[in-house]
Amino acid sequence: MFKKWILINFVKVIIISTVSDESKAFEYYMKAAELGNAVAINDVGICYDDGIGVEKDEKKTFEYYMRAAELGNASANYNVGAWKWN
């Protein structure tokens, strides 16, 4: 589990550091999300929440957080709870 977490975060660092265009980074997260990757689905929600590479959209933020949470992503579960409180 920990090795998987390290690998996922390593890939995030690679994407963010090698892709200077935030919209291109969003595109990569979206492709992974479309393949059903719960971490990427949560990351797409973060992008919509913070306006990273895409225009902010509260509805899509919540939709992506919920999809990732339903797949068992712990970060997404936290994000859903935090988002509801704000």
N, C-alpha and C. Protein backbone atom coordinates (compact mmCIF):
# COMPACT_ATOMS: atom_id res chain seq x y z
N MET A 1 0.82 -1.19 0.00
CA MET A 1 0.00 0.00 0.00
C MET A 1 0.87 1.26 0.00
N PHE A 2 1.87 1.29 0.90
CA PHE A 2 2.74 2.46 0.99
C PHE A 2 3.53 2.65 -0.30
N LYS A 3 3.99 1.54 -0.89
CA LYS A 3 4.74 1.63 -2.15
C LYS A 3 3.86 2.21 -3.25
N LYS A 4 2.60 1.80 -3.27
CA LYS A 4 1.66 2.32 -4.27
C LYS A 4 1.48 3.82 -4.07
N TRP A 5 1.34 4.26 -2.81
CA TRP A 5 1.17 5.68 -2.50
C TRP A 5 2.38 6.48 -2.98
N ILE A 6 3.58 5.96 -2.72
CA ILE A 6 4.81 6.64 -3.14
C ILE A 6 4.84 6.74 -4.66
N LEU A 7 4.52 5.65 -5.35
CA LEU A 7 4.52 5.65 -6.81
C LEU A 7 3.53 6.67 -7.36
N ILE A 8 2.33 6.71 -6.81
CA ILE A 8 1.31 7.64 -7.28
C ILE A 8 1.78 9.08 -7.09
N ASN A 9 2.32 9.39 -5.93
CA ASN A 9 2.79 10.75 -5.68
C ASN A 9 4.01 11.10 -6.50
N PHE A 10 4.85 10.12 -6.79
CA PHE A 10 5.99 10.34 -7.67
C PHE A 10 5.51 10.72 -9.07
N VAL A 11 4.49 10.02 -9.55
CA VAL A 11 3.93 10.31 -10.87
C VAL A 11 3.34 11.72 -10.87
N LYS A 12 2.67 12.12 -9.79
CA LYS A 12 2.12 13.48 -9.70
C LYS A 12 3.23 14.52 -9.81
N VAL A 13 4.32 14.29 -9.12
CA VAL A 13 5.45 15.23 -9.16
C VAL A 13 6.01 15.30 -10.57
N ILE A 14 6.13 14.16 -11.24
CA ILE A 14 6.64 14.14 -12.62
C ILE A 14 5.71 14.94 -13.53
N ILE A 15 4.40 14.70 -13.42
CA ILE A 15 3.45 15.41 -14.27
C ILE A 15 3.53 16.91 -14.03
N ILE A 16 3.48 17.31 -12.77
CA ILE A 16 3.48 18.73 -12.45
C ILE A 16 4.79 19.40 -12.82
N SER A 17 5.93 18.72 -12.59
CA SER A 17 7.22 19.35 -12.85
C SER A 17 7.59 19.34 -14.32
N THR A 18 7.09 18.40 -15.08
CA THR A 18 7.47 18.34 -16.50
C THR A 18 6.46 19.03 -17.40
N VAL A 19 5.28 19.25 -16.90
CA VAL A 19 4.24 19.89 -17.70
C VAL A 19 4.03 21.30 -17.15
N SER A 20 4.62 22.27 -17.82
CA SER A 20 4.50 23.64 -17.33
C SER A 20 3.12 24.22 -17.60
N ASP A 21 2.42 23.66 -18.55
CA ASP A 21 1.08 24.12 -18.90
C ASP A 21 0.07 23.37 -18.02
N GLU A 22 -0.60 24.10 -17.14
CA GLU A 22 -1.54 23.46 -16.22
C GLU A 22 -2.69 22.77 -16.95
N SER A 23 -3.09 23.29 -18.09
CA SER A 23 -4.19 22.65 -18.82
C SER A 23 -3.75 21.29 -19.37
N LYS A 24 -2.47 21.17 -19.70
CA LYS A 24 -1.94 19.88 -20.17
C LYS A 24 -1.89 18.89 -19.01
N ALA A 25 -1.49 19.36 -17.83
CA ALA A 25 -1.49 18.50 -16.64
C ALA A 25 -2.91 18.02 -16.35
N PHE A 26 -3.88 18.94 -16.43
CA PHE A 26 -5.27 18.55 -16.23
C PHE A 26 -5.69 17.48 -17.22
N GLU A 27 -5.25 17.63 -18.45
CA GLU A 27 -5.59 16.65 -19.50
C GLU A 27 -5.08 15.25 -19.12
N TYR A 28 -3.85 15.18 -18.59
CA TYR A 28 -3.29 13.89 -18.17
C TYR A 28 -4.07 13.29 -17.00
N TYR A 29 -4.43 14.13 -16.02
CA TYR A 29 -5.23 13.64 -14.91
C TYR A 29 -6.58 13.12 -15.41
N MET A 30 -7.18 13.84 -16.34
CA MET A 30 -8.48 13.44 -16.87
C MET A 30 -8.39 12.11 -17.61
N LYS A 31 -7.32 11.90 -18.37
CA LYS A 31 -7.15 10.63 -19.08
C LYS A 31 -7.06 9.48 -18.09
N ALA A 32 -6.31 9.66 -17.01
CA ALA A 32 -6.19 8.62 -15.99
C ALA A 32 -7.53 8.42 -15.29
N ALA A 33 -8.25 9.50 -15.06
CA ALA A 33 -9.56 9.41 -14.42
C ALA A 33 -10.54 8.63 -15.28
N GLU A 34 -10.48 8.86 -16.58
CA GLU A 34 -11.37 8.15 -17.50
C GLU A 34 -11.10 6.65 -17.51
N LEU A 35 -9.89 6.26 -17.11
CA LEU A 35 -9.54 4.84 -17.01
C LEU A 35 -9.96 4.25 -15.67
N GLY A 36 -10.56 5.08 -14.81
CA GLY A 36 -11.08 4.59 -13.55
C GLY A 36 -10.13 4.68 -12.37
N ASN A 37 -9.04 5.42 -12.52
CA ASN A 37 -8.08 5.57 -11.44
C ASN A 37 -8.64 6.52 -10.39
N ALA A 38 -8.89 5.99 -9.17
CA ALA A 38 -9.54 6.77 -8.11
C ALA A 38 -8.69 7.97 -7.69
N VAL A 39 -7.38 7.82 -7.66
CA VAL A 39 -6.50 8.93 -7.28
C VAL A 39 -6.61 10.05 -8.31
N ALA A 40 -6.60 9.68 -9.59
CA ALA A 40 -6.71 10.68 -10.65
C ALA A 40 -8.08 11.35 -10.63
N ILE A 41 -9.12 10.57 -10.32
CA ILE A 41 -10.47 11.15 -10.24
C ILE A 41 -10.50 12.21 -9.15
N ASN A 42 -9.90 11.91 -8.00
CA ASN A 42 -9.81 12.88 -6.91
C ASN A 42 -9.01 14.10 -7.36
N ASP A 43 -7.90 13.87 -8.07
CA ASP A 43 -7.06 14.97 -8.55
C ASP A 43 -7.81 15.88 -9.53
N VAL A 44 -8.66 15.28 -10.35
CA VAL A 44 -9.48 16.10 -11.25
C VAL A 44 -10.40 16.99 -10.42
N GLY A 45 -10.96 16.43 -9.35
CA GLY A 45 -11.78 17.22 -8.45
C GLY A 45 -11.00 18.38 -7.85
N ILE A 46 -9.75 18.12 -7.47
CA ILE A 46 -8.89 19.18 -6.92
C ILE A 46 -8.66 20.26 -7.98
N CYS A 47 -8.42 19.84 -9.21
CA CYS A 47 -8.22 20.82 -10.29
C CYS A 47 -9.44 21.70 -10.46
N TYR A 48 -10.63 21.11 -10.46
CA TYR A 48 -11.85 21.90 -10.57
C TYR A 48 -12.04 22.80 -9.35
N ASP A 49 -11.66 22.31 -8.18
CA ASP A 49 -11.81 23.08 -6.95
C ASP A 49 -10.90 24.30 -6.92
N ASP A 50 -9.65 24.12 -7.38
CA ASP A 50 -8.65 25.19 -7.31
C ASP A 50 -8.45 25.95 -8.62
N GLY A 51 -9.11 25.49 -9.69
CA GLY A 51 -8.94 26.14 -10.98
C GLY A 51 -7.58 25.87 -11.60
N ILE A 52 -7.09 24.65 -11.44
CA ILE A 52 -5.78 24.27 -11.99
C ILE A 52 -5.98 23.68 -13.38
N GLY A 53 -5.65 24.45 -14.38
CA GLY A 53 -5.75 23.99 -15.76
C GLY A 53 -7.16 23.97 -16.32
N VAL A 54 -8.10 24.41 -15.52
CA VAL A 54 -9.50 24.40 -15.91
C VAL A 54 -10.23 25.46 -15.08
N GLU A 55 -11.34 25.93 -15.59
CA GLU A 55 -12.12 26.92 -14.84
C GLU A 55 -12.75 26.27 -13.60
N LYS A 56 -12.75 26.98 -12.49
CA LYS A 56 -13.36 26.46 -11.26
C LYS A 56 -14.81 26.10 -11.51
N ASP A 57 -15.22 24.96 -10.92
CA ASP A 57 -16.59 24.50 -11.10
C ASP A 57 -16.97 23.69 -9.86
N GLU A 58 -17.79 24.28 -8.99
CA GLU A 58 -18.16 23.61 -7.74
C GLU A 58 -18.91 22.31 -7.97
N LYS A 59 -19.80 22.29 -8.94
CA LYS A 59 -20.58 21.08 -9.22
C LYS A 59 -19.67 19.93 -9.64
N LYS A 60 -18.75 20.20 -10.56
CA LYS A 60 -17.83 19.16 -11.02
C LYS A 60 -16.86 18.75 -9.92
N THR A 61 -16.45 19.73 -9.10
CA THR A 61 -15.58 19.42 -7.96
C THR A 61 -16.22 18.33 -7.12
N PHE A 62 -17.45 18.57 -6.70
CA PHE A 62 -18.14 17.62 -5.83
C PHE A 62 -18.37 16.29 -6.52
N GLU A 63 -18.74 16.31 -7.80
CA GLU A 63 -18.98 15.08 -8.55
C GLU A 63 -17.73 14.20 -8.58
N TYR A 64 -16.58 14.81 -8.86
CA TYR A 64 -15.35 14.03 -8.94
C TYR A 64 -14.90 13.54 -7.56
N TYR A 65 -15.04 14.37 -6.55
CA TYR A 65 -14.72 13.92 -5.19
C TYR A 65 -15.60 12.73 -4.81
N MET A 66 -16.88 12.80 -5.10
CA MET A 66 -17.81 11.71 -4.76
C MET A 66 -17.46 10.43 -5.53
N ARG A 67 -17.16 10.56 -6.82
CA ARG A 67 -16.81 9.37 -7.61
C ARG A 67 -15.58 8.68 -7.03
N ALA A 68 -14.56 9.47 -6.67
CA ALA A 68 -13.34 8.90 -6.11
C ALA A 68 -13.62 8.29 -4.74
N ALA A 69 -14.45 8.95 -3.94
CA ALA A 69 -14.79 8.43 -2.62
C ALA A 69 -15.53 7.11 -2.74
N GLU A 70 -16.43 7.01 -3.70
CA GLU A 70 -17.17 5.77 -3.92
C GLU A 70 -16.26 4.62 -4.32
N LEU A 71 -15.11 4.95 -4.91
CA LEU A 71 -14.12 3.94 -5.27
C LEU A 71 -13.17 3.63 -4.11
N GLY A 72 -13.40 4.27 -2.97
CA GLY A 72 -12.62 3.97 -1.78
C GLY A 72 -11.39 4.82 -1.56
N ASN A 73 -11.27 5.93 -2.27
CA ASN A 73 -10.11 6.80 -2.09
C ASN A 73 -10.27 7.60 -0.81
N ALA A 74 -9.33 7.41 0.13
CA ALA A 74 -9.41 8.06 1.45
C ALA A 74 -9.31 9.58 1.34
N SER A 75 -8.44 10.08 0.47
CA SER A 75 -8.30 11.52 0.30
C SER A 75 -9.60 12.13 -0.21
N ALA A 76 -10.26 11.42 -1.10
CA ALA A 76 -11.53 11.90 -1.63
C ALA A 76 -12.59 11.93 -0.54
N ASN A 77 -12.59 10.91 0.33
CA ASN A 77 -13.54 10.91 1.46
C ASN A 77 -13.33 12.15 2.31
N TYR A 78 -12.08 12.47 2.59
CA TYR A 78 -11.77 13.67 3.36
C TYR A 78 -12.25 14.92 2.60
N ASN A 79 -11.95 14.97 1.30
CA ASN A 79 -12.33 16.14 0.48
C ASN A 79 -13.84 16.35 0.45
N VAL A 80 -14.60 15.26 0.38
CA VAL A 80 -16.06 15.37 0.40
C VAL A 80 -16.51 15.99 1.72
N GLY A 81 -15.97 15.50 2.82
CA GLY A 81 -16.34 16.04 4.12
C GLY A 81 -15.93 17.49 4.28
N ALA A 82 -14.72 17.81 3.87
CA ALA A 82 -14.23 19.18 3.99
C ALA A 82 -15.02 20.11 3.08
N TRP A 83 -15.35 19.63 1.89
CA TRP A 83 -16.08 20.45 0.93
C TRP A 83 -17.48 20.77 1.44
N LYS A 84 -18.12 19.78 2.06
CA LYS A 84 -19.46 20.01 2.59
C LYS A 84 -19.46 21.03 3.71
N TRP A 85 -18.39 21.11 4.48
CA TRP A 85 -18.31 22.04 5.61
C TRP A 85 -18.04 23.46 5.15
N ASN A 86 -17.49 23.64 3.96
CA ASN A 86 -17.15 24.99 3.48
C ASN A 86 -18.26 25.65 2.74
